[in-house]
Amino acid sequence: MIHDIKKTIRIENVVASLAVGQKIDIEKFASEIEGAEYNRKRFPAVVYRTSSPKVAALLFGSGKIVCTGAKSIEDVSKGLEQVFDKMRSIGIKIDNEPDIKIRNIVATANLGTTLVDLNAVAMGLGLENVEYEPEIFPGLVYRLSDPKVVSLIFGSGKIVITGGNTLDKVIRGAEKIVSELKSMNLL
């Protein structure tokens, strides 16, 4: 049976951002919304966490919001809708459809083997695209140009893919790694 890496891909984190088009009174948000955390000396934003789905929203006074921790793109929208509801509940006007931009997707996948020779991978992929210093970090860092993602390849056959802003880029990156490793007879 041929290993299909696409079936092993699991999203670990989606980071998104948006601007609400106005300043946010983050001190008011922090004081009136239960669970909001704000410590101006430590971090210049309010941190508000939702429980279902589990996401953290960072609300900046400038009107920018960063959402992190989501396990899917759908969870980003669901989590942010809860944040918008809280904002509306204290009189902060939010457009019905803010322009949410996916900035980064971090995913894991499995190459279908438990032994990858990272020295051979480093040589085969070309040292200009690879960082591999096993005495500092146990994985090989491989920067792909198309799609523009970064992968961490581990000797255990696990990989982490980051830097893509669409699931398609993550999938294409994983498939390209498999293709390249197979072409070098390393899988």
Protein backbone atom coordinates (compact mmCIF):
# COMPACT_ATOMS: atom_id res chain seq x y z
CA MET A 1 0.00 0.00 0.00
CA ILE A 2 1.29 3.46 -0.92
CA HIS A 3 1.59 5.92 1.97
CA ASP A 4 -0.58 9.02 1.49
CA ILE A 5 0.93 11.83 3.53
CA LYS A 6 -2.14 13.98 2.93
CA LYS A 7 -4.14 11.68 5.21
CA THR A 8 -1.67 12.19 8.08
CA ILE A 9 -1.68 16.01 8.04
CA ARG A 10 -3.00 17.51 11.24
CA ILE A 11 -3.35 21.24 11.82
CA GLU A 12 -1.82 22.24 15.15
CA ASN A 13 -2.24 26.02 15.01
CA VAL A 14 -3.76 28.65 12.74
CA VAL A 15 -2.75 32.29 13.18
CA ALA A 16 -4.97 34.98 11.69
CA SER A 17 -5.20 38.75 11.90
CA LEU A 18 -7.64 41.50 11.11
CA ALA A 19 -8.32 45.16 11.75
CA VAL A 20 -11.69 46.39 12.97
CA GLY A 21 -11.20 49.84 11.44
CA GLN A 22 -11.27 51.77 14.70
CA LYS A 23 -9.41 52.02 17.98
CA ILE A 24 -10.40 49.53 20.69
CA ASP A 25 -10.70 50.66 24.29
CA ILE A 26 -8.79 47.66 25.58
CA GLU A 27 -8.88 48.84 29.19
CA LYS A 28 -12.69 48.88 29.02
CA PHE A 29 -12.71 45.45 27.38
CA ALA A 30 -10.39 44.06 30.07
CA SER A 31 -12.41 45.51 32.93
CA GLU A 32 -15.87 44.58 31.62
CA ILE A 33 -15.33 41.19 29.96
CA GLU A 34 -14.85 38.25 32.29
CA GLY A 35 -11.72 36.26 31.49
CA ALA A 36 -9.97 39.09 29.63
CA GLU A 37 -6.34 39.48 30.70
CA TYR A 38 -4.46 42.74 30.43
CA ASN A 39 -1.15 43.79 31.94
CA ARG A 40 0.12 46.85 30.09
CA LYS A 41 3.62 46.45 31.56
CA ARG A 42 4.01 42.91 30.20
CA PHE A 43 2.16 43.02 26.86
CA PRO A 44 0.40 45.84 24.97
CA ALA A 45 -2.77 43.87 24.20
CA VAL A 46 -5.70 42.25 25.95
CA VAL A 47 -5.66 38.47 25.77
CA TYR A 48 -9.09 36.90 25.58
CA ARG A 49 -9.48 33.13 25.32
CA THR A 50 -12.52 31.24 24.12
CA SER A 51 -13.15 27.70 25.28
CA SER A 52 -15.04 26.19 22.36
CA PRO A 53 -13.24 26.39 20.05
CA LYS A 54 -10.05 27.03 22.00
CA VAL A 55 -8.47 30.16 20.56
CA ALA A 56 -6.69 33.16 22.01
CA ALA A 57 -7.43 36.62 20.65
CA LEU A 58 -4.97 39.44 21.17
CA LEU A 59 -6.80 42.78 21.01
CA PHE A 60 -4.62 45.83 20.43
CA GLY A 61 -5.71 49.41 21.07
CA SER A 62 -4.96 50.25 17.41
CA GLY A 63 -7.91 48.08 16.34
CA LYS A 64 -5.83 45.13 15.23
CA ILE A 65 -6.68 41.64 16.46
CA VAL A 66 -4.52 38.52 16.21
CA CYS A 67 -6.10 35.11 16.69
CA THR A 68 -3.94 32.12 17.54
CA GLY A 69 -4.35 28.57 18.77
CA ALA A 70 -7.12 27.51 16.40
CA LYS A 71 -7.01 23.94 15.09
CA SER A 72 -8.78 24.84 11.83
CA ILE A 73 -9.63 27.83 9.69
CA GLU A 74 -13.27 27.33 10.64
CA ASP A 75 -12.30 27.58 14.33
CA VAL A 76 -10.68 30.96 13.64
CA SER A 77 -14.02 32.31 12.40
CA LYS A 78 -16.01 30.73 15.22
CA GLY A 79 -13.62 31.98 17.90
CA LEU A 80 -13.47 35.49 16.49
CA GLU A 81 -17.25 35.68 16.26
CA GLN A 82 -17.35 35.08 20.02
CA VAL A 83 -14.79 37.88 20.50
CA PHE A 84 -16.87 40.19 18.28
CA ASP A 85 -19.99 39.39 20.33
CA LYS A 86 -18.12 40.38 23.51
CA MET A 87 -16.92 43.58 21.86
CA ARG A 88 -20.45 44.45 20.69
CA SER A 89 -21.79 43.75 24.19
CA ILE A 90 -19.77 46.68 25.55
CA GLY A 91 -20.58 49.04 22.68
CA ILE A 92 -17.68 48.45 20.28
CA LYS A 93 -19.04 48.40 16.73
CA ILE A 94 -17.75 45.58 14.52
CA ASP A 95 -18.47 45.17 10.81
CA ASN A 96 -20.51 42.08 10.00
CA GLU A 97 -17.74 40.63 7.82
CA PRO A 98 -14.28 41.82 8.93
CA ASP A 99 -11.49 40.85 6.53
CA ILE A 100 -9.77 37.99 8.37
CA LYS A 101 -6.38 37.08 6.91
CA ILE A 102 -4.80 33.70 7.62
CA ARG A 103 -1.13 34.44 8.35
CA ASN A 104 0.30 31.04 9.23
CA ILE A 105 -0.75 27.42 9.49
CA VAL A 106 1.37 25.01 11.51
CA ALA A 107 0.72 21.36 10.73
CA THR A 108 2.29 17.99 11.46
CA ALA A 109 2.43 14.95 9.21
CA ASN A 110 3.99 11.51 9.09
CA LEU A 111 6.28 10.33 6.31
CA GLY A 112 5.21 6.70 6.81
CA THR A 113 8.57 5.50 8.09
CA THR A 114 10.25 5.54 11.47
CA LEU A 115 13.80 6.00 10.21
CA VAL A 116 14.92 8.89 8.02
CA ASP A 117 18.64 9.43 7.39
CA LEU A 118 18.81 13.19 7.92
CA ASN A 119 22.46 13.40 6.82
CA ALA A 120 21.51 11.90 3.46
CA VAL A 121 18.45 14.17 3.25
CA ALA A 122 20.61 17.25 3.90
CA MET A 123 23.02 16.29 1.14
CA GLY A 124 20.27 15.30 -1.29
CA LEU A 125 18.15 18.43 -0.85
CA GLY A 126 21.11 20.74 -1.23
CA LEU A 127 22.76 22.69 1.53
CA GLU A 128 21.47 26.04 0.20
CA ASN A 129 17.89 25.12 1.23
CA VAL A 130 18.69 23.15 4.39
CA GLU A 131 19.82 23.83 7.93
CA TYR A 132 20.93 20.75 9.79
CA GLU A 133 22.98 20.91 12.97
CA PRO A 134 22.08 17.77 14.94
CA GLU A 135 24.13 18.82 17.96
CA ILE A 136 21.92 21.94 18.30
CA PHE A 137 18.51 20.74 17.03
CA PRO A 138 17.41 17.17 16.24
CA GLY A 139 15.49 18.10 13.09
CA LEU A 140 16.43 19.24 9.64
CA VAL A 141 15.02 22.61 8.53
CA TYR A 142 14.08 22.63 4.85
CA ARG A 143 12.89 25.85 3.22
CA LEU A 144 10.80 25.20 0.13
CA SER A 145 10.39 27.94 -2.47
CA ASP A 146 7.24 26.59 -4.10
CA PRO A 147 5.09 26.41 -2.11
CA LYS A 148 6.81 28.91 0.19
CA VAL A 149 6.76 26.92 3.45
CA VAL A 150 9.31 25.73 5.97
CA SER A 151 9.43 22.14 7.10
CA LEU A 152 11.12 20.47 10.00
CA ILE A 153 11.98 16.88 9.16
CA PHE A 154 12.82 14.51 12.00
CA GLY A 155 14.61 11.17 11.90
CA SER A 156 11.46 9.57 13.34
CA GLY A 157 9.59 10.28 10.12
CA LYS A 158 7.54 13.10 11.59
CA ILE A 159 7.47 16.49 9.91
CA VAL A 160 6.21 19.92 10.87
CA ILE A 161 5.20 22.36 8.16
CA THR A 162 4.84 26.06 8.86
CA GLY A 163 4.66 29.33 7.00
CA GLY A 164 1.79 28.48 4.67
CA ASN A 165 -1.30 30.65 4.74
CA THR A 166 -3.55 28.09 3.08
CA LEU A 167 -4.14 24.41 3.69
CA ASP A 168 -3.34 23.82 0.02
CA LYS A 169 0.21 25.17 0.53
CA VAL A 170 0.69 22.91 3.55
CA ILE A 171 -0.51 19.86 1.59
CA ARG A 172 1.59 20.72 -1.48
CA GLY A 173 4.64 21.22 0.76
CA ALA A 174 4.18 17.84 2.42
CA GLU A 175 3.64 16.11 -0.94
CA LYS A 176 6.72 17.80 -2.42
CA ILE A 177 8.88 16.61 0.49
CA VAL A 178 7.65 13.04 0.01
CA SER A 179 8.27 13.25 -3.74
CA GLU A 180 11.79 14.59 -3.28
CA LEU A 181 12.70 12.02 -0.63
CA LYS A 182 11.32 9.19 -2.79
CA SER A 183 13.30 10.43 -5.81
CA MET A 184 16.47 10.13 -3.67
CA ASN A 185 15.42 6.63 -2.45
CA LEU A 186 15.25 7.93 1.14
CA LEU A 187 11.64 6.80 1.71
